[in-house]
């Protein structure tokens, strides 16, 4: 029997990872919208229960239903959580410290908004060429399938995200 504090002890980190692995969905990356971090052919484990006890965080990589085609899944990165002020631009988005007094002084700015409760603002890592919250707006948490947490293939790219 492992000693208390040992990762293999009942209820320890190893047990939690086993449980997360067992409930995880398997998703294959099909496009380059998240490259170079994720590439076509990467195989991911996605935890559908990730946000039950843990709120979404900026930087989380998530899988969500495409708002234009709910049968299709998208992989994006959270850059805004509820209450965040986000300024979307043609090349990405930023979180300004305070709302603009007037129109944004950035000529590439598209809009400025506060992420509503129960939503997240997502971007692709290759923002200039992909569909994300700049086109379809903040994403309801009900549309989020889960948090991607591990790349299990290809073998040479395996590891935590």
Protein backbone atom coordinates (compact mmCIF):
# COMPACT_ATOMS: atom_id res chain seq x y z
CA UNK A 1 0.00 0.00 0.00
CA UNK A 2 1.52 3.40 -0.99
CA UNK A 3 2.23 5.82 1.86
CA UNK A 4 0.21 9.00 2.36
CA UNK A 5 1.42 11.72 0.00
CA UNK A 6 2.54 9.16 -2.60
CA UNK A 7 0.97 10.03 -6.02
CA UNK A 8 -0.12 6.37 -6.26
CA UNK A 9 -2.07 6.53 -2.98
CA UNK A 10 -5.85 6.09 -3.30
CA UNK A 11 -7.37 9.44 -4.23
CA UNK A 12 -3.95 10.82 -5.22
CA UNK A 13 -2.96 12.48 -8.51
CA UNK A 14 -2.52 9.14 -10.30
CA UNK A 15 -6.11 8.13 -9.44
CA UNK A 16 -7.44 11.52 -10.58
CA UNK A 17 -5.55 11.28 -13.90
CA UNK A 18 -6.88 7.74 -14.41
CA UNK A 19 -10.44 8.97 -13.82
CA UNK A 20 -9.95 11.94 -16.15
CA UNK A 21 -8.45 9.69 -18.82
CA UNK A 22 -11.39 7.25 -18.53
CA UNK A 23 -14.03 9.97 -19.03
CA UNK A 24 -12.10 11.87 -21.72
CA UNK A 25 -13.26 12.07 -25.31
CA UNK A 26 -10.80 11.50 -28.11
CA UNK A 27 -10.54 14.22 -30.76
CA UNK A 28 -8.35 14.42 -33.87
CA UNK A 29 -7.10 17.83 -35.10
CA UNK A 30 -8.03 18.36 -38.78
CA UNK A 31 -6.88 21.90 -39.58
CA UNK A 32 -4.03 24.33 -38.92
CA UNK A 33 -5.96 26.97 -36.95
CA UNK A 34 -4.06 26.13 -33.74
CA UNK A 35 -0.61 25.58 -35.22
CA UNK A 36 2.20 25.40 -34.41
CA UNK A 37 1.01 24.12 -30.99
CA UNK A 38 -1.50 21.70 -32.50
CA UNK A 39 -1.14 20.23 -35.97
CA UNK A 40 -3.37 18.18 -38.28
CA UNK A 41 -3.25 14.57 -37.13
CA UNK A 42 -2.66 15.39 -33.45
CA UNK A 43 -4.85 13.25 -31.22
CA UNK A 44 -6.17 14.87 -28.06
CA UNK A 45 -7.88 13.81 -24.86
CA UNK A 46 -10.69 16.23 -23.97
CA UNK A 47 -12.19 16.28 -20.47
CA UNK A 48 -15.94 16.97 -20.68
CA UNK A 49 -16.14 17.45 -16.89
CA UNK A 50 -13.28 19.96 -16.71
CA UNK A 51 -15.47 22.96 -15.92
CA UNK A 52 -17.72 21.29 -13.36
CA UNK A 53 -15.45 22.09 -10.42
CA UNK A 54 -12.92 24.34 -12.14
CA UNK A 55 -13.97 27.51 -14.01
CA UNK A 56 -12.57 28.15 -17.50
CA UNK A 57 -9.27 30.02 -17.48
CA UNK A 58 -7.53 32.24 -20.00
CA UNK A 59 -5.17 30.06 -22.01
CA UNK A 60 -7.24 26.86 -21.77
CA UNK A 61 -7.46 24.97 -25.06
CA UNK A 62 -11.06 23.85 -25.51
CA UNK A 63 -13.19 21.92 -27.95
CA UNK A 64 -16.56 23.47 -28.81
CA UNK A 65 -19.46 22.99 -31.18
CA UNK A 66 -19.16 25.21 -34.26
CA UNK A 67 -21.97 27.80 -33.95
CA UNK A 68 -22.59 27.54 -37.72
CA UNK A 69 -22.67 23.71 -37.79
CA UNK A 70 -23.21 22.02 -34.41
CA UNK A 71 -22.12 18.65 -35.84
CA UNK A 72 -18.63 20.09 -36.41
CA UNK A 73 -16.15 20.59 -33.57
CA UNK A 74 -13.65 23.47 -33.30
CA UNK A 75 -10.50 23.69 -31.19
CA UNK A 76 -9.76 27.16 -29.78
CA UNK A 77 -7.95 28.93 -26.95
CA UNK A 78 -9.84 30.92 -24.30
CA UNK A 79 -8.64 34.52 -24.15
CA UNK A 80 -11.59 36.04 -22.30
CA UNK A 81 -13.68 34.76 -19.38
CA UNK A 82 -16.89 36.24 -17.92
CA UNK A 83 -16.40 39.88 -16.95
CA UNK A 84 -13.28 40.39 -19.10
CA UNK A 85 -13.20 43.37 -21.43
CA UNK A 86 -12.00 42.21 -24.86
CA UNK A 87 -11.04 44.31 -27.88
CA UNK A 88 -11.24 42.17 -31.02
CA UNK A 89 -8.98 43.12 -33.93
CA UNK A 90 -8.46 41.71 -37.40
CA UNK A 91 -5.28 40.01 -36.20
CA UNK A 92 -6.45 38.77 -32.79
CA UNK A 93 -7.73 40.29 -29.56
CA UNK A 94 -6.43 42.06 -26.48
CA UNK A 95 -7.77 42.60 -22.98
CA UNK A 96 -7.49 46.35 -22.31
CA UNK A 97 -7.36 47.53 -18.71
CA UNK A 98 -10.35 49.84 -19.15
CA UNK A 99 -13.02 50.55 -21.78
CA UNK A 100 -12.14 52.99 -24.53
CA UNK A 101 -13.54 56.50 -24.07
CA UNK A 102 -14.44 56.65 -27.73
CA UNK A 103 -13.83 54.60 -30.82
CA UNK A 104 -10.72 52.40 -30.45
CA UNK A 105 -7.59 54.10 -31.75
CA UNK A 106 -6.42 50.84 -33.34
CA UNK A 107 -7.37 50.91 -37.05
CA UNK A 108 -7.60 47.09 -37.00
CA UNK A 109 -10.10 47.10 -34.11
CA UNK A 110 -13.42 45.43 -34.91
CA UNK A 111 -15.26 45.80 -31.59
CA UNK A 112 -14.88 46.02 -27.84
CA UNK A 113 -17.11 43.98 -25.55
CA UNK A 114 -17.42 42.55 -22.06
CA UNK A 115 -17.62 38.76 -21.99
CA UNK A 116 -21.08 37.98 -20.54
CA UNK A 117 -21.69 35.54 -17.67
CA UNK A 118 -21.72 31.92 -18.80
CA UNK A 119 -19.61 32.64 -21.92
CA UNK A 120 -15.98 32.63 -23.05
CA UNK A 121 -14.21 34.53 -25.84
CA UNK A 122 -12.03 32.23 -27.96
CA UNK A 123 -9.35 32.70 -30.60
CA UNK A 124 -7.36 30.45 -32.87
CA UNK A 125 -3.60 30.52 -32.45
CA UNK A 126 -3.41 31.46 -36.16
CA UNK A 127 -5.92 34.24 -35.66
CA UNK A 128 -5.61 36.01 -39.00
CA UNK A 129 -6.88 32.99 -40.94
CA UNK A 130 -9.44 31.26 -38.74
CA UNK A 131 -13.02 31.53 -37.52
CA UNK A 132 -13.36 32.32 -33.84
CA UNK A 133 -15.20 34.68 -31.46
CA UNK A 134 -14.33 37.64 -33.70
CA UNK A 135 -16.81 36.20 -36.21
CA UNK A 136 -19.36 34.37 -34.03
CA UNK A 137 -19.09 36.24 -30.72
CA UNK A 138 -18.65 34.92 -27.18
CA UNK A 139 -19.32 31.19 -26.86
CA UNK A 140 -21.89 29.90 -24.33
CA UNK A 141 -20.32 27.40 -21.92
CA UNK A 142 -23.13 25.01 -22.91
CA UNK A 143 -21.48 24.80 -26.37
CA UNK A 144 -18.12 23.79 -24.91
CA UNK A 145 -17.40 20.05 -25.16
CA UNK A 146 -14.47 20.20 -22.74
CA UNK A 147 -10.87 21.18 -22.03
CA UNK A 148 -8.14 19.53 -24.12
CA UNK A 149 -5.53 18.34 -21.65
CA UNK A 150 -3.29 15.74 -23.29
CA UNK A 151 -1.93 14.94 -26.76
CA UNK A 152 -1.62 11.15 -27.05
CA UNK A 153 -0.48 11.03 -30.65
CA UNK A 154 1.48 11.07 -32.77
CA UNK A 155 3.99 9.32 -30.53
CA UNK A 156 6.76 11.93 -30.96
CA UNK A 157 4.43 14.78 -29.90
CA UNK A 158 2.82 13.14 -26.84
CA UNK A 159 2.44 15.16 -23.67
CA UNK A 160 0.31 17.48 -21.56
CA UNK A 161 -1.13 20.61 -23.19
